[in-house]
Amino acid sequence: MSELKGAVEDGQLSLHFQPKLNIRARSLYGVECLVRWIHPVHGLSRRTSLSPWPSRPATSAPGRNRAWS
């Protein structure tokens, strides 16, 4: 965990936005935000390597997961 703290302090984390698309409706209905670690030795981290907890949407509050207009 101390290595991750150092990564935050050294600016080694990178923020990426991934669109969530409805292909049939040809519309964007959300965005997923991903944090990637650019490790000085191991390179760009995989999505699952930063957190031991399973991923869950930050917008899980009722009414927050609706289509954009």
PDB file of N, CA and C in Angstrom:
ATOM      1  N   MET A   1       0.818  -1.190   0.000  1.00  0.00           N
ATOM      2  CA  MET A   1       0.000   0.000   0.000  1.00  0.00           C
ATOM      3  C   MET A   1       0.868   1.263   0.000  1.00  0.00           C
ATOM      4  N   SER A   2       2.043   1.208   0.620  1.00  0.00           N
ATOM      5  CA  SER A   2       2.911   2.384   0.649  1.00  0.00           C
ATOM      6  C   SER A   2       3.413   2.737  -0.749  1.00  0.00           C
ATOM      7  N   GLU A   3       3.569   1.716  -1.611  1.00  0.00           N
ATOM      8  CA  GLU A   3       4.004   1.978  -2.977  1.00  0.00           C
ATOM      9  C   GLU A   3       2.921   2.746  -3.744  1.00  0.00           C
ATOM     10  N   LEU A   4       1.660   2.416  -3.491  1.00  0.00           N
ATOM     11  CA  LEU A   4       0.561   3.131  -4.130  1.00  0.00           C
ATOM     12  C   LEU A   4       0.489   4.574  -3.623  1.00  0.00           C
ATOM     13  N   LYS A   5       0.732   4.770  -2.328  1.00  0.00           N
ATOM     14  CA  LYS A   5       0.759   6.131  -1.782  1.00  0.00           C
ATOM     15  C   LYS A   5       1.848   6.953  -2.466  1.00  0.00           C
ATOM     16  N   GLY A   6       3.017   6.354  -2.674  1.00  0.00           N
ATOM     17  CA  GLY A   6       4.099   7.038  -3.374  1.00  0.00           C
ATOM     18  C   GLY A   6       3.732   7.353  -4.813  1.00  0.00           C
ATOM     19  N   ALA A   7       2.967   6.462  -5.452  1.00  0.00           N
ATOM     20  CA  ALA A   7       2.529   6.693  -6.828  1.00  0.00           C
ATOM     21  C   ALA A   7       1.616   7.908  -6.912  1.00  0.00           C
ATOM     22  N   VAL A   8       0.751   8.061  -5.918  1.00  0.00           N
ATOM     23  CA  VAL A   8      -0.133   9.233  -5.869  1.00  0.00           C
ATOM     24  C   VAL A   8       0.698  10.497  -5.697  1.00  0.00           C
ATOM     25  N   GLU A   9       1.627  10.452  -4.759  1.00  0.00           N
ATOM     26  CA  GLU A   9       2.473  11.620  -4.479  1.00  0.00           C
ATOM     27  C   GLU A   9       3.367  11.985  -5.663  1.00  0.00           C
ATOM     28  N   ASP A  10       3.815  10.980  -6.446  1.00  0.00           N
ATOM     29  CA  ASP A  10       4.705  11.220  -7.583  1.00  0.00           C
ATOM     30  C   ASP A  10       3.976  11.456  -8.896  1.00  0.00           C
ATOM     31  N   GLY A  11       2.640  11.452  -8.863  1.00  0.00           N
ATOM     32  CA  GLY A  11       1.860  11.693 -10.081  1.00  0.00           C
ATOM     33  C   GLY A  11       1.936  10.561 -11.091  1.00  0.00           C
ATOM     34  N   GLN A  12       2.030   9.316 -10.614  1.00  0.00           N
ATOM     35  CA  GLN A  12       2.133   8.169 -11.509  1.00  0.00           C
ATOM     36  C   GLN A  12       0.775   7.597 -11.914  1.00  0.00           C
ATOM     37  N   LEU A  13      -0.307   8.190 -11.422  1.00  0.00           N
ATOM     38  CA  LEU A  13      -1.639   7.696 -11.767  1.00  0.00           C
ATOM     39  C   LEU A  13      -2.203   8.512 -12.922  1.00  0.00           C
ATOM     40  N   SER A  14      -2.880   7.823 -13.802  1.00  0.00           N
ATOM     41  CA  SER A  14      -3.437   8.448 -14.997  1.00  0.00           C
ATOM     42  C   SER A  14      -4.938   8.163 -15.048  1.00  0.00           C
ATOM     43  N   LEU A  15      -5.723   9.159 -15.388  1.00  0.00           N
ATOM     44  CA  LEU A  15      -7.178   9.027 -15.446  1.00  0.00           C
ATOM     45  C   LEU A  15      -7.612   8.831 -16.892  1.00  0.00           C
ATOM     46  N   HIS A  16      -8.437   7.808 -17.117  1.00  0.00           N
ATOM     47  CA  HIS A  16      -8.943   7.505 -18.459  1.00  0.00           C
ATOM     48  C   HIS A  16     -10.462   7.431 -18.407  1.00  0.00           C
ATOM     49  N   PHE A  17     -11.104   7.976 -19.419  1.00  0.00           N
ATOM     50  CA  PHE A  17     -12.557   7.916 -19.513  1.00  0.00           C
ATOM     51  C   PHE A  17     -12.935   6.952 -20.630  1.00  0.00           C
ATOM     52  N   GLN A  18     -13.850   6.054 -20.317  1.00  0.00           N
ATOM     53  CA  GLN A  18     -14.300   5.061 -21.284  1.00  0.00           C
ATOM     54  C   GLN A  18     -15.793   5.254 -21.511  1.00  0.00           C
ATOM     55  N   PRO A  19     -16.192   5.562 -22.737  1.00  0.00           N
ATOM     56  CA  PRO A  19     -17.619   5.775 -22.994  1.00  0.00           C
ATOM     57  C   PRO A  19     -18.408   4.475 -22.887  1.00  0.00           C
ATOM     58  N   LYS A  20     -19.647   4.583 -22.436  1.00  0.00           N
ATOM     59  CA  LYS A  20     -20.568   3.454 -22.406  1.00  0.00           C
ATOM     60  C   LYS A  20     -21.600   3.729 -23.496  1.00  0.00           C
ATOM     61  N   LEU A  21     -21.630   2.866 -24.485  1.00  0.00           N
ATOM     62  CA  LEU A  21     -22.442   3.097 -25.677  1.00  0.00           C
ATOM     63  C   LEU A  21     -23.571   2.077 -25.800  1.00  0.00           C
ATOM     64  N   ASN A  22     -24.699   2.550 -26.333  1.00  0.00           N
ATOM     65  CA  ASN A  22     -25.781   1.668 -26.745  1.00  0.00           C
ATOM     66  C   ASN A  22     -25.689   1.607 -28.261  1.00  0.00           C
ATOM     67  N   ILE A  23     -25.164   0.509 -28.770  1.00  0.00           N
ATOM     68  CA  ILE A  23     -24.906   0.388 -30.198  1.00  0.00           C
ATOM     69  C   ILE A  23     -26.205   0.419 -30.997  1.00  0.00           C
ATOM     70  N   ARG A  24     -27.235  -0.276 -30.523  1.00  0.00           N
ATOM     71  CA  ARG A  24     -28.511  -0.299 -31.258  1.00  0.00           C
ATOM     72  C   ARG A  24     -29.129   1.082 -31.375  1.00  0.00           C
ATOM     73  N   ALA A  25     -29.103   1.853 -30.291  1.00  0.00           N
ATOM     74  CA  ALA A  25     -29.698   3.192 -30.304  1.00  0.00           C
ATOM     75  C   ALA A  25     -28.721   4.253 -30.807  1.00  0.00           C
ATOM     76  N   ARG A  26     -27.468   3.833 -31.034  1.00  0.00           N
ATOM     77  CA  ARG A  26     -26.415   4.755 -31.461  1.00  0.00           C
ATOM     78  C   ARG A  26     -26.320   5.958 -30.518  1.00  0.00           C
ATOM     79  N   SER A  27     -26.248   5.648 -29.213  1.00  0.00           N
ATOM     80  CA  SER A  27     -26.202   6.733 -28.233  1.00  0.00           C
ATOM     81  C   SER A  27     -25.222   6.421 -27.102  1.00  0.00           C
ATOM     82  N   LEU A  28     -24.745   7.475 -26.507  1.00  0.00           N
ATOM     83  CA  LEU A  28     -23.877   7.404 -25.341  1.00  0.00           C
ATOM     84  C   LEU A  28     -24.768   7.477 -24.110  1.00  0.00           C
ATOM     85  N   TYR A  29     -24.647   6.511 -23.204  1.00  0.00           N
ATOM     86  CA  TYR A  29     -25.501   6.542 -22.018  1.00  0.00           C
ATOM     87  C   TYR A  29     -24.715   6.680 -20.724  1.00  0.00           C
ATOM     88  N   GLY A  30     -23.416   6.823 -20.803  1.00  0.00           N
ATOM     89  CA  GLY A  30     -22.633   7.010 -19.595  1.00  0.00           C
ATOM     90  C   GLY A  30     -21.147   7.006 -19.884  1.00  0.00           C
ATOM     91  N   VAL A  31     -20.386   7.193 -18.832  1.00  0.00           N
ATOM     92  CA  VAL A  31     -18.932   7.192 -18.938  1.00  0.00           C
ATOM     93  C   VAL A  31     -18.383   6.469 -17.713  1.00  0.00           C
ATOM     94  N   GLU A  32     -17.401   5.623 -17.954  1.00  0.00           N
ATOM     95  CA  GLU A  32     -16.720   4.936 -16.869  1.00  0.00           C
ATOM     96  C   GLU A  32     -15.353   5.581 -16.714  1.00  0.00           C
ATOM     97  N   CYS A  33     -14.977   5.859 -15.490  1.00  0.00           N
ATOM     98  CA  CYS A  33     -13.693   6.493 -15.221  1.00  0.00           C
ATOM     99  C   CYS A  33     -12.734   5.435 -14.678  1.00  0.00           C
ATOM    100  N   LEU A  34     -11.587   5.307 -15.319  1.00  0.00           N
ATOM    101  CA  LEU A  34     -10.602   4.312 -14.919  1.00  0.00           C
ATOM    102  C   LEU A  34      -9.315   4.996 -14.474  1.00  0.00           C
ATOM    103  N   VAL A  35      -8.743   4.532 -13.390  1.00  0.00           N
ATOM    104  CA  VAL A  35      -7.451   5.027 -12.924  1.00  0.00           C
ATOM    105  C   VAL A  35      -6.418   3.973 -13.267  1.00  0.00           C
ATOM    106  N   ARG A  36      -5.382   4.372 -13.977  1.00  0.00           N
ATOM    107  CA  ARG A  36      -4.308   3.450 -14.352  1.00  0.00           C
ATOM    108  C   ARG A  36      -3.006   3.935 -13.715  1.00  0.00           C
ATOM    109  N   TRP A  37      -2.206   3.012 -13.279  1.00  0.00           N
ATOM    110  CA  TRP A  37      -0.935   3.311 -12.639  1.00  0.00           C
ATOM    111  C   TRP A  37       0.172   3.121 -13.658  1.00  0.00           C
ATOM    112  N   ILE A  38       0.922   4.166 -13.916  1.00  0.00           N
ATOM    113  CA  ILE A  38       2.083   4.080 -14.801  1.00  0.00           C
ATOM    114  C   ILE A  38       3.294   3.853 -13.900  1.00  0.00           C
ATOM    115  N   HIS A  39       3.559   2.601 -13.614  1.00  0.00           N
ATOM    116  CA  HIS A  39       4.615   2.205 -12.678  1.00  0.00           C
ATOM    117  C   HIS A  39       5.975   2.372 -13.355  1.00  0.00           C
ATOM    118  N   PRO A  40       6.960   2.945 -12.661  1.00  0.00           N
ATOM    119  CA  PRO A  40       8.263   3.183 -13.275  1.00  0.00           C
ATOM    120  C   PRO A  40       9.000   1.903 -13.682  1.00  0.00           C
ATOM    121  N   VAL A  41       8.707   0.779 -13.065  1.00  0.00           N
ATOM    122  CA  VAL A  41       9.368  -0.484 -13.396  1.00  0.00           C
ATOM    123  C   VAL A  41       8.455  -1.407 -14.209  1.00  0.00           C
ATOM    124  N   HIS A  42       7.201  -1.533 -13.788  1.00  0.00           N
ATOM    125  CA  HIS A  42       6.270  -2.494 -14.385  1.00  0.00           C
ATOM    126  C   HIS A  42       5.430  -1.917 -15.523  1.00  0.00           C
ATOM    127  N   GLY A  43       5.504  -0.630 -15.760  1.00  0.00           N
ATOM    128  CA  GLY A  43       4.731  -0.011 -16.840  1.00  0.00           C
ATOM    129  C   GLY A  43       3.277   0.224 -16.472  1.00  0.00           C
ATOM    130  N   LEU A  44       2.430   0.314 -17.489  1.00  0.00           N
ATOM    131  CA  LEU A  44       1.014   0.607 -17.302  1.00  0.00           C
ATOM    132  C   LEU A  44       0.305  -0.577 -16.651  1.00  0.00           C
ATOM    133  N   SER A  45      -0.417  -0.310 -15.567  1.00  0.00           N
ATOM    134  CA  SER A  45      -1.110  -1.370 -14.837  1.00  0.00           C
ATOM    135  C   SER A  45      -2.320  -1.872 -15.613  1.00  0.00           C
ATOM    136  N   ARG A  46      -2.688  -3.109 -15.334  1.00  0.00           N
ATOM    137  CA  ARG A  46      -3.940  -3.636 -15.862  1.00  0.00           C
ATOM    138  C   ARG A  46      -5.075  -3.093 -15.009  1.00  0.00           C
ATOM    139  N   ARG A  47      -6.262  -3.141 -15.525  1.00  0.00           N
ATOM    140  CA  ARG A  47      -7.420  -2.577 -14.832  1.00  0.00           C
ATOM    141  C   ARG A  47      -7.636  -3.202 -13.456  1.00  0.00           C
ATOM    142  N   THR A  48      -7.420  -4.481 -13.316  1.00  0.00           N
ATOM    143  CA  THR A  48      -7.723  -5.180 -12.065  1.00  0.00           C
ATOM    144  C   THR A  48      -6.596  -5.158 -11.048  1.00  0.00           C
ATOM    145  N   SER A  49      -5.443  -4.622 -11.384  1.00  0.00           N
ATOM    146  CA  SER A  49      -4.295  -4.750 -10.486  1.00  0.00           C
ATOM    147  C   SER A  49      -4.201  -3.673  -9.408  1.00  0.00           C
ATOM    148  N   LEU A  50      -5.018  -2.629  -9.456  1.00  0.00           N
ATOM    149  CA  LEU A  50      -4.930  -1.577  -8.443  1.00  0.00           C
ATOM    150  C   LEU A  50      -5.704  -1.891  -7.175  1.00  0.00           C
ATOM    151  N   SER A  51      -6.812  -2.570  -7.298  1.00  0.00           N
ATOM    152  CA  SER A  51      -7.690  -2.767  -6.154  1.00  0.00           C
ATOM    153  C   SER A  51      -8.027  -4.237  -5.962  1.00  0.00           C
ATOM    154  N   PRO A  52      -7.985  -4.701  -4.718  1.00  0.00           N
ATOM    155  CA  PRO A  52      -8.382  -6.086  -4.466  1.00  0.00           C
ATOM    156  C   PRO A  52      -9.899  -6.264  -4.459  1.00  0.00           C
ATOM    157  N   TRP A  53     -10.652  -5.155  -4.440  1.00  0.00           N
ATOM    158  CA  TRP A  53     -12.105  -5.219  -4.398  1.00  0.00           C
ATOM    159  C   TRP A  53     -12.672  -5.276  -5.798  1.00  0.00           C
ATOM    160  N   PRO A  54     -13.805  -5.982  -5.967  1.00  0.00           N
ATOM    161  CA  PRO A  54     -14.436  -6.012  -7.287  1.00  0.00           C
ATOM    162  C   PRO A  54     -14.926  -4.631  -7.691  1.00  0.00           C
ATOM    163  N   SER A  55     -14.884  -4.378  -8.962  1.00  0.00           N
ATOM    164  CA  SER A  55     -15.336  -3.096  -9.490  1.00  0.00           C
ATOM    165  C   SER A  55     -16.843  -2.988  -9.384  1.00  0.00           C
ATOM    166  N   ARG A  56     -17.332  -1.821  -9.003  1.00  0.00           N
ATOM    167  CA  ARG A  56     -18.773  -1.574  -9.014  1.00  0.00           C
ATOM    168  C   ARG A  56     -19.004  -0.136  -9.430  1.00  0.00           C
ATOM    169  N   PRO A  57     -20.112   0.127 -10.106  1.00  0.00           N
ATOM    170  CA  PRO A  57     -20.354   1.478 -10.611  1.00  0.00           C
ATOM    171  C   PRO A  57     -20.458   2.501  -9.481  1.00  0.00           C
ATOM    172  N   ALA A  58     -19.863   3.658  -9.689  1.00  0.00           N
ATOM    173  CA  ALA A  58     -19.966   4.742  -8.712  1.00  0.00           C
ATOM    174  C   ALA A  58     -21.335   5.390  -8.776  1.00  0.00           C
ATOM    175  N   THR A  59     -22.044   5.158  -9.859  1.00  0.00           N
ATOM    176  CA  THR A  59     -23.368   5.764 -10.033  1.00  0.00           C
ATOM    177  C   THR A  59     -24.468   4.770  -9.689  1.00  0.00           C
ATOM    178  N   SER A  60     -24.283   4.033  -8.614  1.00  0.00           N
ATOM    179  CA  SER A  60     -25.259   3.022  -8.257  1.00  0.00           C
ATOM    180  C   SER A  60     -26.438   3.578  -7.453  1.00  0.00           C
ATOM    181  N   ALA A  61     -26.448   4.867  -7.190  1.00  0.00           N
ATOM    182  CA  ALA A  61     -27.567   5.473  -6.470  1.00  0.00           C
ATOM    183  C   ALA A  61     -28.810   5.434  -7.350  1.00  0.00           C
ATOM    184  N   PRO A  62     -30.002   5.251  -6.752  1.00  0.00           N
ATOM    185  CA  PRO A  62     -31.233   5.200  -7.546  1.00  0.00           C
ATOM    186  C   PRO A  62     -31.402   6.443  -8.408  1.00  0.00           C
ATOM    187  N   GLY A  63     -31.779   6.239  -9.652  1.00  0.00           N
ATOM    188  CA  GLY A  63     -32.034   7.357 -10.554  1.00  0.00           C
ATOM    189  C   GLY A  63     -30.819   7.910 -11.244  1.00  0.00           C
ATOM    190  N   ARG A  64     -29.632   7.433 -10.927  1.00  0.00           N
ATOM    191  CA  ARG A  64     -28.409   7.976 -11.508  1.00  0.00           C
ATOM    192  C   ARG A  64     -28.013   7.297 -12.806  1.00  0.00           C
ATOM    193  N   ASN A  65     -28.506   6.074 -13.048  1.00  0.00           N
ATOM    194  CA  ASN A  65     -28.143   5.335 -14.250  1.00  0.00           C
ATOM    195  C   ASN A  65     -29.216   5.470 -15.322  1.00  0.00           C
ATOM    196  N   ARG A  66     -29.452   6.644 -15.771  1.00  0.00           N
ATOM    197  CA  ARG A  66     -30.437   6.825 -16.825  1.00  0.00           C
ATOM    198  C   ARG A  66     -29.750   7.430 -18.049  1.00  0.00           C
ATOM    199  N   ALA A  67     -30.366   7.276 -19.184  1.00  0.00           N
ATOM    200  CA  ALA A  67     -29.785   7.734 -20.436  1.00  0.00           C
ATOM    201  C   ALA A  67     -29.660   9.247 -20.458  1.00  0.00           C
ATOM    202  N   TRP A  68     -28.598   9.692 -21.108  1.00  0.00           N
ATOM    203  CA  TRP A  68     -28.403  11.132 -21.287  1.00  0.00           C
ATOM    204  C   TRP A  68     -29.259  11.601 -22.432  1.00  0.00           C
ATOM    205  N   SER A  69     -29.735  12.835 -22.346  1.00  0.00           N
ATOM    206  CA  SER A  69     -30.517  13.364 -23.466  1.00  0.00           C
ATOM    207  C   SER A  69     -29.822  14.536 -24.099  1.00  0.00           C
TER     208      SER A  69
END
